[in-house]
């Protein structure tokens, strides 16, 4: 998997944990906050941690966030700041933007303003979010124990795949295909089933195996 560059804006509890886990996994992380004390805490484990006001356009331009693979606005309490930074970052051409939104009202506003995704910290554990951020083929990930998880993968083939029996995923990856989501239909797959273009495939297995399969079918 290609190493990704992330910027995390807002270093409260959620932002700090996100920085640490992304760094532990091996990503490059730029940590940003207006509070110097928070920045100093994160600087203990993130080399690139800076105290700055990201609600100012000139600051964002100097940070050159347009070159970062993925920016996460992890600000919790200051919704006005999250809105402003979202608008500024989209105007600057940020490649992918995920913004923290703690309710449906905030989520709808942020998506309308250009956020690519929102995350509700009460619903999604940071470790699960990290797996999703680091691999674009993973649409959702739920960690089970240290090494295993249930993930939703996207099948991006233009033609139907071979049958599950022919693909032999259980032997090849030690993965179990639990469900296939096809439009509004939920399919419990048999050995004769195959993937159709646009399918979401729910699998269970080791994280390393999930990543390998995601790379193959994405």
N, C-alpha and C. Protein backbone atom coordinates (compact mmCIF):
# COMPACT_ATOMS: atom_id res chain seq x y z
N UNK A 1 0.84 -1.19 0.00
CA UNK A 1 0.00 0.00 0.00
C UNK A 1 0.88 1.24 0.00
N UNK A 2 0.53 2.21 -0.86
CA UNK A 2 1.31 3.43 -0.95
C UNK A 2 1.15 4.25 0.31
N UNK A 3 2.25 4.80 0.80
CA UNK A 3 2.22 5.61 2.01
C UNK A 3 1.50 6.92 1.72
N UNK A 4 0.55 7.29 2.59
CA UNK A 4 -0.25 8.48 2.36
C UNK A 4 0.16 9.61 3.29
N UNK A 5 -0.13 10.84 2.82
CA UNK A 5 0.11 12.04 3.61
C UNK A 5 -1.24 12.57 4.12
N UNK A 6 -1.30 12.85 5.43
CA UNK A 6 -2.52 13.37 6.04
C UNK A 6 -2.24 14.67 6.77
N UNK A 7 -3.24 15.52 6.84
CA UNK A 7 -3.20 16.69 7.72
C UNK A 7 -4.42 16.60 8.63
N UNK A 8 -4.19 16.75 9.93
CA UNK A 8 -5.28 16.72 10.91
C UNK A 8 -5.37 18.10 11.54
N UNK A 9 -6.52 18.75 11.38
CA UNK A 9 -6.75 20.08 11.93
C UNK A 9 -7.65 19.96 13.15
N UNK A 10 -7.14 20.34 14.31
CA UNK A 10 -7.89 20.18 15.55
C UNK A 10 -7.32 19.03 16.36
N UNK A 11 -6.67 19.37 17.46
CA UNK A 11 -5.94 18.35 18.23
C UNK A 11 -6.53 18.14 19.62
N UNK A 12 -7.86 18.04 19.66
CA UNK A 12 -8.52 17.64 20.89
C UNK A 12 -8.30 16.14 21.08
N UNK A 13 -9.09 15.52 21.92
CA UNK A 13 -8.93 14.09 22.20
C UNK A 13 -8.99 13.25 20.93
N UNK A 14 -10.00 13.51 20.11
CA UNK A 14 -10.17 12.76 18.87
C UNK A 14 -9.01 13.02 17.90
N UNK A 15 -8.66 14.28 17.70
CA UNK A 15 -7.59 14.63 16.77
C UNK A 15 -6.24 14.07 17.19
N UNK A 16 -5.95 14.13 18.48
CA UNK A 16 -4.67 13.60 18.98
C UNK A 16 -4.59 12.09 18.76
N UNK A 17 -5.68 11.38 19.08
CA UNK A 17 -5.67 9.93 18.92
C UNK A 17 -5.56 9.56 17.44
N UNK A 18 -6.25 10.31 16.60
CA UNK A 18 -6.18 10.07 15.17
C UNK A 18 -4.76 10.24 14.65
N UNK A 19 -4.09 11.32 15.07
CA UNK A 19 -2.70 11.55 14.67
C UNK A 19 -1.81 10.39 15.10
N UNK A 20 -1.98 9.96 16.33
CA UNK A 20 -1.11 8.90 16.86
C UNK A 20 -1.31 7.58 16.12
N UNK A 21 -2.57 7.21 15.89
CA UNK A 21 -2.81 5.93 15.25
C UNK A 21 -2.42 5.95 13.78
N UNK A 22 -2.64 7.05 13.09
CA UNK A 22 -2.19 7.16 11.70
C UNK A 22 -0.67 7.07 11.63
N UNK A 23 0.01 7.75 12.56
CA UNK A 23 1.47 7.71 12.59
C UNK A 23 1.97 6.31 12.91
N UNK A 24 1.32 5.64 13.86
CA UNK A 24 1.72 4.29 14.24
C UNK A 24 1.58 3.31 13.07
N UNK A 25 0.57 3.53 12.25
CA UNK A 25 0.35 2.66 11.10
C UNK A 25 1.39 2.92 10.00
N UNK A 26 1.99 4.11 10.02
CA UNK A 26 3.04 4.41 9.06
C UNK A 26 2.75 5.56 8.12
N UNK A 27 1.65 6.29 8.34
CA UNK A 27 1.32 7.42 7.47
C UNK A 27 2.15 8.65 7.86
N UNK A 28 2.32 9.56 6.90
CA UNK A 28 2.90 10.86 7.19
C UNK A 28 1.78 11.78 7.68
N UNK A 29 1.98 12.43 8.82
CA UNK A 29 0.92 13.22 9.43
C UNK A 29 1.41 14.63 9.73
N UNK A 30 0.60 15.62 9.31
CA UNK A 30 0.80 17.02 9.67
C UNK A 30 -0.29 17.38 10.66
N UNK A 31 0.09 17.76 11.89
CA UNK A 31 -0.87 18.04 12.96
C UNK A 31 -0.96 19.55 13.19
N UNK A 32 -2.19 20.09 13.23
CA UNK A 32 -2.38 21.54 13.29
C UNK A 32 -3.45 21.92 14.31
N UNK A 33 -3.17 22.96 15.09
CA UNK A 33 -4.16 23.46 16.05
C UNK A 33 -3.78 24.89 16.44
N UNK A 34 -4.76 25.65 16.85
CA UNK A 34 -4.52 27.03 17.28
C UNK A 34 -4.04 27.09 18.72
N UNK A 35 -4.20 25.97 19.46
CA UNK A 35 -3.82 25.92 20.87
C UNK A 35 -2.39 25.36 21.00
N UNK A 36 -1.48 26.18 21.51
CA UNK A 36 -0.07 25.79 21.59
C UNK A 36 0.15 24.59 22.51
N UNK A 37 -0.61 24.54 23.60
CA UNK A 37 -0.45 23.42 24.54
C UNK A 37 -0.79 22.09 23.88
N UNK A 38 -1.88 22.08 23.11
CA UNK A 38 -2.26 20.86 22.41
C UNK A 38 -1.20 20.46 21.38
N UNK A 39 -0.68 21.45 20.68
CA UNK A 39 0.35 21.18 19.67
C UNK A 39 1.58 20.57 20.32
N UNK A 40 1.98 21.10 21.46
CA UNK A 40 3.15 20.58 22.17
C UNK A 40 2.95 19.13 22.60
N UNK A 41 1.73 18.79 22.99
CA UNK A 41 1.44 17.40 23.38
C UNK A 41 1.62 16.46 22.20
N UNK A 42 1.12 16.87 21.05
CA UNK A 42 1.19 16.03 19.86
C UNK A 42 2.61 15.99 19.30
N UNK A 43 3.35 17.08 19.47
CA UNK A 43 4.72 17.16 18.95
C UNK A 43 5.62 16.10 19.58
N UNK A 44 5.20 15.54 20.70
CA UNK A 44 5.99 14.49 21.36
C UNK A 44 6.05 13.23 20.50
N UNK A 45 5.06 13.03 19.60
CA UNK A 45 5.08 11.82 18.76
C UNK A 45 4.84 12.10 17.28
N UNK A 46 4.55 13.36 16.91
CA UNK A 46 4.40 13.74 15.51
C UNK A 46 5.43 14.83 15.19
N UNK A 47 6.41 14.56 14.34
CA UNK A 47 7.44 15.56 14.04
C UNK A 47 6.89 16.86 13.47
N UNK A 48 5.85 16.76 12.64
CA UNK A 48 5.28 17.95 12.01
C UNK A 48 3.99 18.37 12.73
N UNK A 49 4.15 19.10 13.81
CA UNK A 49 3.01 19.62 14.57
C UNK A 49 3.20 21.12 14.72
N UNK A 50 2.21 21.90 14.28
CA UNK A 50 2.37 23.34 14.25
C UNK A 50 1.18 24.06 14.87
N UNK A 51 1.49 25.15 15.55
CA UNK A 51 0.46 26.01 16.13
C UNK A 51 0.13 27.10 15.12
N UNK A 52 -1.11 27.12 14.64
CA UNK A 52 -1.51 28.11 13.65
C UNK A 52 -3.04 28.20 13.60
N UNK A 53 -3.53 29.28 13.03
CA UNK A 53 -4.96 29.51 12.90
C UNK A 53 -5.39 29.10 11.48
N UNK A 54 -5.96 27.92 11.36
CA UNK A 54 -6.32 27.38 10.04
C UNK A 54 -7.59 28.01 9.47
N UNK A 55 -8.20 28.92 10.22
CA UNK A 55 -9.36 29.63 9.67
C UNK A 55 -8.95 30.82 8.82
N UNK A 56 -7.63 31.05 8.70
CA UNK A 56 -7.11 32.14 7.89
C UNK A 56 -6.58 31.59 6.57
N UNK A 57 -7.05 32.16 5.48
CA UNK A 57 -6.70 31.66 4.15
C UNK A 57 -5.20 31.69 3.89
N UNK A 58 -4.53 32.77 4.34
CA UNK A 58 -3.09 32.90 4.09
C UNK A 58 -2.30 31.80 4.80
N UNK A 59 -2.80 31.36 5.96
CA UNK A 59 -2.14 30.27 6.70
C UNK A 59 -2.26 28.97 5.92
N UNK A 60 -3.46 28.68 5.42
CA UNK A 60 -3.68 27.44 4.67
C UNK A 60 -2.85 27.41 3.39
N UNK A 61 -2.69 28.56 2.76
CA UNK A 61 -1.89 28.63 1.54
C UNK A 61 -0.43 28.32 1.85
N UNK A 62 0.08 28.85 2.94
CA UNK A 62 1.47 28.60 3.32
C UNK A 62 1.71 27.12 3.65
N UNK A 63 0.70 26.48 4.22
CA UNK A 63 0.82 25.06 4.58
C UNK A 63 0.79 24.16 3.34
N UNK A 64 0.33 24.70 2.21
CA UNK A 64 0.29 23.96 0.95
C UNK A 64 -0.47 22.63 1.10
N UNK A 65 -1.67 22.71 1.67
CA UNK A 65 -2.43 21.49 1.92
C UNK A 65 -2.99 20.85 0.66
N UNK A 66 -2.91 21.56 -0.46
CA UNK A 66 -3.36 20.98 -1.71
C UNK A 66 -2.54 19.80 -2.15
N UNK A 67 -1.34 19.66 -1.60
CA UNK A 67 -0.47 18.54 -1.96
C UNK A 67 -0.67 17.33 -1.04
N UNK A 68 -1.48 17.49 0.00
CA UNK A 68 -1.73 16.42 0.96
C UNK A 68 -2.82 15.49 0.42
N UNK A 69 -2.65 14.19 0.62
CA UNK A 69 -3.63 13.23 0.09
C UNK A 69 -5.00 13.39 0.73
N UNK A 70 -5.02 13.67 2.03
CA UNK A 70 -6.30 13.67 2.75
C UNK A 70 -6.20 14.61 3.95
N UNK A 71 -7.14 15.54 4.06
CA UNK A 71 -7.21 16.46 5.21
C UNK A 71 -8.41 16.08 6.06
N UNK A 72 -8.22 15.99 7.37
CA UNK A 72 -9.30 15.70 8.30
C UNK A 72 -9.47 16.88 9.24
N UNK A 73 -10.63 17.50 9.22
CA UNK A 73 -10.95 18.57 10.18
C UNK A 73 -11.59 17.90 11.38
N UNK A 74 -10.84 17.83 12.48
CA UNK A 74 -11.27 17.10 13.66
C UNK A 74 -11.81 18.02 14.75
N UNK A 75 -12.13 19.26 14.39
CA UNK A 75 -12.61 20.25 15.36
C UNK A 75 -13.97 19.82 15.89
N UNK A 76 -14.12 19.85 17.21
CA UNK A 76 -15.36 19.38 17.81
C UNK A 76 -16.35 20.48 18.16
N UNK A 77 -15.94 21.42 19.00
CA UNK A 77 -16.90 22.39 19.55
C UNK A 77 -17.12 23.61 18.67
N UNK A 78 -16.12 24.05 17.93
CA UNK A 78 -16.24 25.29 17.16
C UNK A 78 -16.73 24.98 15.75
N UNK A 79 -18.04 24.83 15.60
CA UNK A 79 -18.62 24.47 14.31
C UNK A 79 -18.41 25.57 13.28
N UNK A 80 -18.44 26.82 13.70
CA UNK A 80 -18.22 27.94 12.78
C UNK A 80 -16.85 27.84 12.13
N UNK A 81 -15.84 27.49 12.94
CA UNK A 81 -14.48 27.35 12.41
C UNK A 81 -14.41 26.18 11.43
N UNK A 82 -15.08 25.08 11.76
CA UNK A 82 -15.08 23.91 10.86
C UNK A 82 -15.70 24.27 9.51
N UNK A 83 -16.78 25.04 9.53
CA UNK A 83 -17.43 25.47 8.29
C UNK A 83 -16.48 26.34 7.46
N UNK A 84 -15.87 27.32 8.09
CA UNK A 84 -14.99 28.24 7.39
C UNK A 84 -13.79 27.51 6.78
N UNK A 85 -13.18 26.63 7.56
CA UNK A 85 -12.00 25.90 7.08
C UNK A 85 -12.39 24.96 5.94
N UNK A 86 -13.58 24.35 6.02
CA UNK A 86 -14.06 23.49 4.94
C UNK A 86 -14.14 24.26 3.63
N UNK A 87 -14.76 25.43 3.68
CA UNK A 87 -14.91 26.25 2.47
C UNK A 87 -13.56 26.68 1.92
N UNK A 88 -12.66 27.11 2.80
CA UNK A 88 -11.34 27.57 2.36
C UNK A 88 -10.54 26.43 1.72
N UNK A 89 -10.58 25.27 2.34
CA UNK A 89 -9.81 24.14 1.82
C UNK A 89 -10.33 23.69 0.45
N UNK A 90 -11.65 23.68 0.27
CA UNK A 90 -12.18 23.29 -1.03
C UNK A 90 -11.81 24.31 -2.09
N UNK A 91 -11.78 25.58 -1.74
CA UNK A 91 -11.37 26.62 -2.68
C UNK A 91 -9.90 26.47 -3.06
N UNK A 92 -9.11 25.93 -2.14
CA UNK A 92 -7.69 25.72 -2.40
C UNK A 92 -7.40 24.41 -3.11
N UNK A 93 -8.45 23.64 -3.38
CA UNK A 93 -8.28 22.43 -4.17
C UNK A 93 -7.78 21.22 -3.42
N UNK A 94 -8.11 21.12 -2.13
CA UNK A 94 -7.71 19.94 -1.36
C UNK A 94 -8.28 18.68 -2.01
N UNK A 95 -7.45 17.63 -2.10
CA UNK A 95 -7.83 16.43 -2.84
C UNK A 95 -9.00 15.69 -2.19
N UNK A 96 -8.90 15.46 -0.88
CA UNK A 96 -9.97 14.77 -0.17
C UNK A 96 -10.12 15.36 1.22
N UNK A 97 -11.36 15.60 1.61
CA UNK A 97 -11.62 16.29 2.87
C UNK A 97 -12.68 15.55 3.68
N UNK A 98 -12.29 15.13 4.89
CA UNK A 98 -13.23 14.53 5.84
C UNK A 98 -13.38 15.49 7.02
N UNK A 99 -14.62 15.74 7.43
CA UNK A 99 -14.88 16.71 8.49
C UNK A 99 -15.70 16.07 9.60
N UNK A 100 -15.32 16.35 10.82
CA UNK A 100 -16.06 15.84 11.97
C UNK A 100 -17.42 16.52 12.04
N UNK A 101 -18.48 15.72 12.18
CA UNK A 101 -19.84 16.24 12.31
C UNK A 101 -20.57 15.38 13.33
N UNK A 102 -21.03 15.97 14.41
CA UNK A 102 -21.60 15.20 15.51
C UNK A 102 -23.11 15.02 15.43
N UNK A 103 -23.76 15.59 14.41
CA UNK A 103 -25.20 15.36 14.24
C UNK A 103 -25.56 15.50 12.76
N UNK A 104 -26.78 15.13 12.42
CA UNK A 104 -27.22 15.13 11.02
C UNK A 104 -27.27 16.55 10.45
N UNK A 105 -27.61 17.53 11.29
CA UNK A 105 -27.65 18.93 10.85
C UNK A 105 -26.28 19.37 10.37
N UNK A 106 -25.26 19.12 11.18
CA UNK A 106 -23.89 19.49 10.82
C UNK A 106 -23.44 18.71 9.59
N UNK A 107 -23.77 17.44 9.53
CA UNK A 107 -23.37 16.60 8.40
C UNK A 107 -23.91 17.15 7.08
N UNK A 108 -25.19 17.49 7.05
CA UNK A 108 -25.80 17.99 5.82
C UNK A 108 -25.16 19.29 5.37
N UNK A 109 -24.90 20.18 6.31
CA UNK A 109 -24.29 21.47 5.97
C UNK A 109 -22.89 21.26 5.39
N UNK A 110 -22.08 20.46 6.06
CA UNK A 110 -20.69 20.25 5.64
C UNK A 110 -20.60 19.56 4.29
N UNK A 111 -21.48 18.60 4.03
CA UNK A 111 -21.48 17.94 2.73
C UNK A 111 -21.89 18.91 1.62
N UNK A 112 -22.84 19.78 1.90
CA UNK A 112 -23.26 20.78 0.92
C UNK A 112 -22.14 21.78 0.63
N UNK A 113 -21.30 22.01 1.63
CA UNK A 113 -20.21 22.98 1.47
C UNK A 113 -18.98 22.36 0.80
N UNK A 114 -19.04 21.06 0.53
CA UNK A 114 -17.95 20.46 -0.23
C UNK A 114 -17.17 19.37 0.46
N UNK A 115 -17.47 19.09 1.72
CA UNK A 115 -16.77 17.98 2.38
C UNK A 115 -17.03 16.68 1.62
N UNK A 116 -15.99 15.87 1.44
CA UNK A 116 -16.17 14.60 0.74
C UNK A 116 -16.85 13.57 1.64
N UNK A 117 -16.52 13.63 2.93
CA UNK A 117 -17.11 12.72 3.91
C UNK A 117 -17.20 13.43 5.25
N UNK A 118 -18.07 12.93 6.11
CA UNK A 118 -18.11 13.40 7.49
C UNK A 118 -17.93 12.19 8.40
N UNK A 119 -17.51 12.44 9.63
CA UNK A 119 -17.34 11.36 10.60
C UNK A 119 -17.94 11.79 11.93
N UNK A 120 -18.74 10.92 12.50
CA UNK A 120 -19.32 11.13 13.82
C UNK A 120 -18.48 10.33 14.80
N UNK A 121 -17.77 11.02 15.67
CA UNK A 121 -16.84 10.33 16.57
C UNK A 121 -17.55 9.46 17.59
N UNK A 122 -18.83 9.69 17.80
CA UNK A 122 -19.57 8.85 18.74
C UNK A 122 -19.95 7.52 18.11
N UNK A 123 -19.89 7.45 16.77
CA UNK A 123 -20.32 6.23 16.08
C UNK A 123 -19.15 5.43 15.50
N UNK A 124 -18.02 6.09 15.27
CA UNK A 124 -16.92 5.43 14.59
C UNK A 124 -15.64 5.52 15.40
N UNK A 125 -15.11 4.37 15.81
CA UNK A 125 -13.86 4.36 16.58
C UNK A 125 -12.72 4.84 15.72
N UNK A 126 -11.74 5.51 16.33
CA UNK A 126 -10.62 6.07 15.59
C UNK A 126 -9.85 5.00 14.86
N UNK A 127 -9.61 3.86 15.50
CA UNK A 127 -8.84 2.80 14.84
C UNK A 127 -9.55 2.32 13.59
N UNK A 128 -10.88 2.27 13.61
CA UNK A 128 -11.63 1.86 12.43
C UNK A 128 -11.53 2.92 11.33
N UNK A 129 -11.58 4.19 11.72
CA UNK A 129 -11.47 5.28 10.76
C UNK A 129 -10.11 5.24 10.08
N UNK A 130 -9.06 4.96 10.82
CA UNK A 130 -7.71 4.92 10.25
C UNK A 130 -7.62 3.89 9.14
N UNK A 131 -8.19 2.70 9.36
CA UNK A 131 -8.15 1.67 8.33
C UNK A 131 -8.84 2.16 7.07
N UNK A 132 -9.94 2.86 7.23
CA UNK A 132 -10.70 3.37 6.09
C UNK A 132 -9.93 4.47 5.38
N UNK A 133 -9.29 5.36 6.12
CA UNK A 133 -8.54 6.46 5.53
C UNK A 133 -7.35 5.97 4.73
N UNK A 134 -6.70 4.92 5.20
CA UNK A 134 -5.47 4.46 4.59
C UNK A 134 -5.69 3.61 3.34
N UNK A 135 -6.88 3.15 3.11
CA UNK A 135 -7.13 2.30 1.95
C UNK A 135 -8.44 2.72 1.29
N UNK A 136 -8.35 3.31 0.09
CA UNK A 136 -9.54 3.83 -0.59
C UNK A 136 -10.52 2.74 -0.99
N UNK A 137 -10.06 1.50 -1.09
CA UNK A 137 -10.96 0.41 -1.48
C UNK A 137 -11.86 0.00 -0.32
N UNK A 138 -11.52 0.41 0.91
CA UNK A 138 -12.31 0.05 2.09
C UNK A 138 -13.35 1.13 2.34
N UNK A 139 -14.63 0.78 2.20
CA UNK A 139 -15.70 1.74 2.40
C UNK A 139 -16.10 1.83 3.87
N UNK A 140 -15.92 0.75 4.60
CA UNK A 140 -16.21 0.73 6.04
C UNK A 140 -15.37 -0.36 6.66
N UNK A 141 -14.97 -0.15 7.91
CA UNK A 141 -14.14 -1.15 8.58
C UNK A 141 -14.49 -1.18 10.06
N UNK A 142 -14.67 -2.37 10.59
CA UNK A 142 -14.97 -2.55 12.01
C UNK A 142 -13.99 -3.56 12.59
N UNK A 143 -13.16 -3.08 13.48
CA UNK A 143 -12.10 -3.92 14.02
C UNK A 143 -12.66 -4.93 15.03
N UNK A 144 -12.15 -6.16 14.95
CA UNK A 144 -12.53 -7.22 15.87
C UNK A 144 -11.25 -7.81 16.42
N UNK A 145 -10.95 -7.52 17.67
CA UNK A 145 -9.67 -7.94 18.23
C UNK A 145 -8.53 -7.15 17.62
N UNK A 146 -7.32 -7.67 17.76
CA UNK A 146 -6.14 -6.93 17.30
C UNK A 146 -5.93 -7.02 15.80
N UNK A 147 -6.15 -8.19 15.21
CA UNK A 147 -5.74 -8.43 13.83
C UNK A 147 -6.88 -8.61 12.84
N UNK A 148 -8.11 -8.78 13.33
CA UNK A 148 -9.22 -9.12 12.44
C UNK A 148 -10.22 -7.98 12.31
N UNK A 149 -11.02 -8.05 11.27
CA UNK A 149 -12.03 -7.04 11.08
C UNK A 149 -13.08 -7.47 10.08
N UNK A 150 -14.19 -6.74 10.07
CA UNK A 150 -15.23 -6.87 9.05
C UNK A 150 -15.16 -5.60 8.21
N UNK A 151 -15.02 -5.77 6.89
CA UNK A 151 -14.86 -4.61 6.02
C UNK A 151 -15.83 -4.67 4.86
N UNK A 152 -16.21 -3.50 4.36
CA UNK A 152 -16.99 -3.40 3.13
C UNK A 152 -16.07 -2.90 2.04
N UNK A 153 -15.88 -3.71 1.00
CA UNK A 153 -15.00 -3.38 -0.11
C UNK A 153 -15.82 -3.07 -1.36
N UNK A 154 -15.26 -2.24 -2.24
CA UNK A 154 -15.93 -1.90 -3.49
C UNK A 154 -15.37 -2.73 -4.63
N UNK A 155 -16.26 -3.31 -5.43
CA UNK A 155 -15.83 -4.02 -6.63
C UNK A 155 -15.96 -3.05 -7.80
N UNK A 156 -14.84 -2.69 -8.41
CA UNK A 156 -14.85 -1.66 -9.45
C UNK A 156 -14.66 -2.23 -10.86
N UNK A 157 -14.74 -3.56 -11.00
CA UNK A 157 -14.61 -4.15 -12.32
C UNK A 157 -15.73 -3.71 -13.25
N UNK A 158 -15.42 -3.64 -14.54
CA UNK A 158 -16.42 -3.23 -15.53
C UNK A 158 -17.26 -4.41 -16.02
N UNK A 159 -16.77 -5.61 -15.75
CA UNK A 159 -17.49 -6.83 -16.11
C UNK A 159 -17.69 -7.68 -14.85
N UNK A 160 -18.67 -8.57 -14.86
CA UNK A 160 -18.84 -9.46 -13.69
C UNK A 160 -17.58 -10.28 -13.44
N UNK A 161 -17.33 -10.57 -12.19
CA UNK A 161 -16.14 -11.36 -11.83
C UNK A 161 -16.38 -12.84 -12.09
N UNK A 162 -15.35 -13.62 -11.87
CA UNK A 162 -15.53 -15.08 -11.85
C UNK A 162 -16.39 -15.43 -10.63
N UNK A 163 -16.84 -16.66 -10.54
CA UNK A 163 -17.63 -17.08 -9.39
C UNK A 163 -16.75 -17.12 -8.14
N UNK A 164 -17.37 -17.07 -6.98
CA UNK A 164 -16.60 -17.14 -5.73
C UNK A 164 -15.82 -18.44 -5.65
N UNK A 165 -16.39 -19.52 -6.16
CA UNK A 165 -15.67 -20.80 -6.15
C UNK A 165 -14.40 -20.70 -6.99
N UNK A 166 -14.52 -20.06 -8.15
CA UNK A 166 -13.37 -19.91 -9.05
C UNK A 166 -12.33 -18.94 -8.48
N UNK A 167 -12.82 -17.90 -7.81
CA UNK A 167 -11.89 -16.93 -7.22
C UNK A 167 -11.15 -17.52 -6.02
N UNK A 168 -11.79 -18.47 -5.35
CA UNK A 168 -11.16 -19.22 -4.27
C UNK A 168 -10.59 -18.29 -3.18
N UNK A 169 -11.39 -17.33 -2.76
CA UNK A 169 -10.93 -16.30 -1.81
C UNK A 169 -10.60 -16.89 -0.44
N UNK A 170 -11.33 -17.90 -0.05
CA UNK A 170 -11.10 -18.48 1.29
C UNK A 170 -9.71 -19.10 1.37
N UNK A 171 -9.30 -19.77 0.30
CA UNK A 171 -7.96 -20.36 0.29
C UNK A 171 -6.89 -19.30 0.03
N UNK A 172 -7.17 -18.39 -0.91
CA UNK A 172 -6.18 -17.39 -1.32
C UNK A 172 -5.90 -16.38 -0.23
N UNK A 173 -6.95 -15.90 0.45
CA UNK A 173 -6.79 -14.83 1.44
C UNK A 173 -7.24 -15.23 2.85
N UNK A 174 -7.80 -16.41 3.01
CA UNK A 174 -8.39 -16.82 4.29
C UNK A 174 -9.47 -15.82 4.72
N UNK A 175 -10.28 -15.42 3.72
CA UNK A 175 -11.37 -14.48 3.96
C UNK A 175 -12.71 -15.16 3.73
N UNK A 176 -13.70 -14.71 4.48
CA UNK A 176 -15.07 -15.14 4.27
C UNK A 176 -15.88 -13.99 3.69
N UNK A 177 -16.56 -14.22 2.56
CA UNK A 177 -17.47 -13.23 2.00
C UNK A 177 -18.81 -13.40 2.70
N UNK A 178 -19.19 -12.41 3.49
CA UNK A 178 -20.40 -12.53 4.31
C UNK A 178 -21.65 -12.12 3.54
N UNK A 179 -21.55 -11.00 2.84
CA UNK A 179 -22.70 -10.45 2.12
C UNK A 179 -22.24 -9.72 0.87
N UNK A 180 -23.13 -9.59 -0.08
CA UNK A 180 -22.91 -8.71 -1.23
C UNK A 180 -24.07 -7.73 -1.28
N UNK A 181 -23.76 -6.44 -1.32
CA UNK A 181 -24.79 -5.42 -1.45
C UNK A 181 -24.83 -4.99 -2.92
N UNK A 182 -25.97 -5.19 -3.55
CA UNK A 182 -26.12 -4.86 -4.97
C UNK A 182 -27.36 -3.98 -5.13
N UNK A 183 -27.10 -2.66 -5.24
CA UNK A 183 -28.22 -1.73 -5.25
C UNK A 183 -28.93 -1.79 -3.92
N UNK A 184 -30.23 -2.03 -3.94
CA UNK A 184 -30.98 -2.16 -2.69
C UNK A 184 -31.10 -3.59 -2.21
N UNK A 185 -30.42 -4.51 -2.88
CA UNK A 185 -30.53 -5.94 -2.57
C UNK A 185 -29.35 -6.40 -1.71
N UNK A 186 -29.64 -7.25 -0.73
CA UNK A 186 -28.61 -7.87 0.11
C UNK A 186 -28.57 -9.35 -0.23
N UNK A 187 -27.40 -9.83 -0.66
CA UNK A 187 -27.27 -11.21 -1.13
C UNK A 187 -26.38 -12.00 -0.17
N UNK A 188 -26.87 -13.15 0.25
CA UNK A 188 -26.04 -14.10 1.00
C UNK A 188 -25.40 -15.02 -0.03
N UNK A 189 -24.13 -14.85 -0.34
CA UNK A 189 -23.54 -15.49 -1.51
C UNK A 189 -23.30 -16.98 -1.35
N UNK A 190 -23.50 -17.69 -2.44
CA UNK A 190 -23.13 -19.10 -2.54
C UNK A 190 -21.85 -19.19 -3.38
N UNK A 191 -21.33 -20.38 -3.53
CA UNK A 191 -20.09 -20.57 -4.30
C UNK A 191 -20.28 -20.17 -5.76
N UNK A 192 -21.53 -20.19 -6.25
CA UNK A 192 -21.79 -19.86 -7.66
C UNK A 192 -21.93 -18.35 -7.88
N UNK A 193 -22.06 -17.59 -6.80
CA UNK A 193 -22.26 -16.14 -6.92
C UNK A 193 -20.99 -15.46 -7.45
N UNK A 194 -21.16 -14.29 -8.06
CA UNK A 194 -20.03 -13.50 -8.55
C UNK A 194 -20.27 -12.03 -8.21
N UNK A 195 -19.26 -11.20 -8.40
CA UNK A 195 -19.38 -9.78 -8.15
C UNK A 195 -19.82 -9.07 -9.44
N UNK A 196 -20.77 -8.15 -9.29
CA UNK A 196 -21.21 -7.31 -10.40
C UNK A 196 -20.58 -5.92 -10.25
N UNK A 197 -20.39 -5.18 -11.36
CA UNK A 197 -19.87 -3.81 -11.25
C UNK A 197 -20.70 -2.97 -10.27
N UNK A 198 -20.03 -2.30 -9.35
CA UNK A 198 -20.72 -1.47 -8.37
C UNK A 198 -21.09 -2.18 -7.08
N UNK A 199 -20.84 -3.48 -6.99
CA UNK A 199 -21.17 -4.23 -5.78
C UNK A 199 -20.33 -3.76 -4.58
N UNK A 200 -20.93 -3.80 -3.40
CA UNK A 200 -20.20 -3.66 -2.15
C UNK A 200 -20.10 -5.05 -1.53
N UNK A 201 -18.89 -5.45 -1.18
CA UNK A 201 -18.63 -6.81 -0.72
C UNK A 201 -18.22 -6.77 0.75
N UNK A 202 -18.99 -7.42 1.61
CA UNK A 202 -18.70 -7.45 3.04
C UNK A 202 -17.93 -8.72 3.36
N UNK A 203 -16.71 -8.55 3.91
CA UNK A 203 -15.84 -9.70 4.17
C UNK A 203 -15.37 -9.70 5.62
N UNK A 204 -14.97 -10.87 6.08
CA UNK A 204 -14.38 -11.02 7.41
C UNK A 204 -13.05 -11.73 7.27
N UNK A 205 -12.03 -11.22 8.00
CA UNK A 205 -10.73 -11.88 8.00
C UNK A 205 -9.67 -11.00 8.61
N UNK A 206 -8.40 -11.37 8.41
CA UNK A 206 -7.30 -10.57 8.92
C UNK A 206 -7.21 -9.25 8.15
N UNK A 207 -6.78 -8.20 8.85
CA UNK A 207 -6.66 -6.88 8.22
C UNK A 207 -5.74 -6.92 7.01
N UNK A 208 -4.62 -7.63 7.13
CA UNK A 208 -3.66 -7.70 6.03
C UNK A 208 -4.28 -8.36 4.80
N UNK A 209 -5.11 -9.38 5.02
CA UNK A 209 -5.76 -10.08 3.91
C UNK A 209 -6.84 -9.21 3.27
N UNK A 210 -7.56 -8.45 4.10
CA UNK A 210 -8.59 -7.55 3.59
C UNK A 210 -7.96 -6.51 2.66
N UNK A 211 -6.81 -5.99 3.04
CA UNK A 211 -6.13 -5.00 2.20
C UNK A 211 -5.71 -5.60 0.87
N UNK A 212 -5.22 -6.83 0.89
CA UNK A 212 -4.79 -7.48 -0.35
C UNK A 212 -5.98 -7.71 -1.28
N UNK A 213 -7.08 -8.17 -0.70
CA UNK A 213 -8.26 -8.41 -1.54
C UNK A 213 -8.81 -7.08 -2.06
N UNK A 214 -8.82 -6.06 -1.22
CA UNK A 214 -9.31 -4.74 -1.64
C UNK A 214 -8.52 -4.22 -2.83
N UNK A 215 -7.21 -4.44 -2.81
CA UNK A 215 -6.35 -3.99 -3.91
C UNK A 215 -6.68 -4.75 -5.19
N UNK A 216 -7.01 -6.04 -5.04
CA UNK A 216 -7.29 -6.87 -6.22
C UNK A 216 -8.60 -6.49 -6.91
N UNK A 217 -9.63 -6.17 -6.11
CA UNK A 217 -10.94 -5.95 -6.73
C UNK A 217 -11.27 -4.49 -6.95
N UNK A 218 -10.45 -3.57 -6.43
CA UNK A 218 -10.77 -2.15 -6.58
C UNK A 218 -10.27 -1.59 -7.90
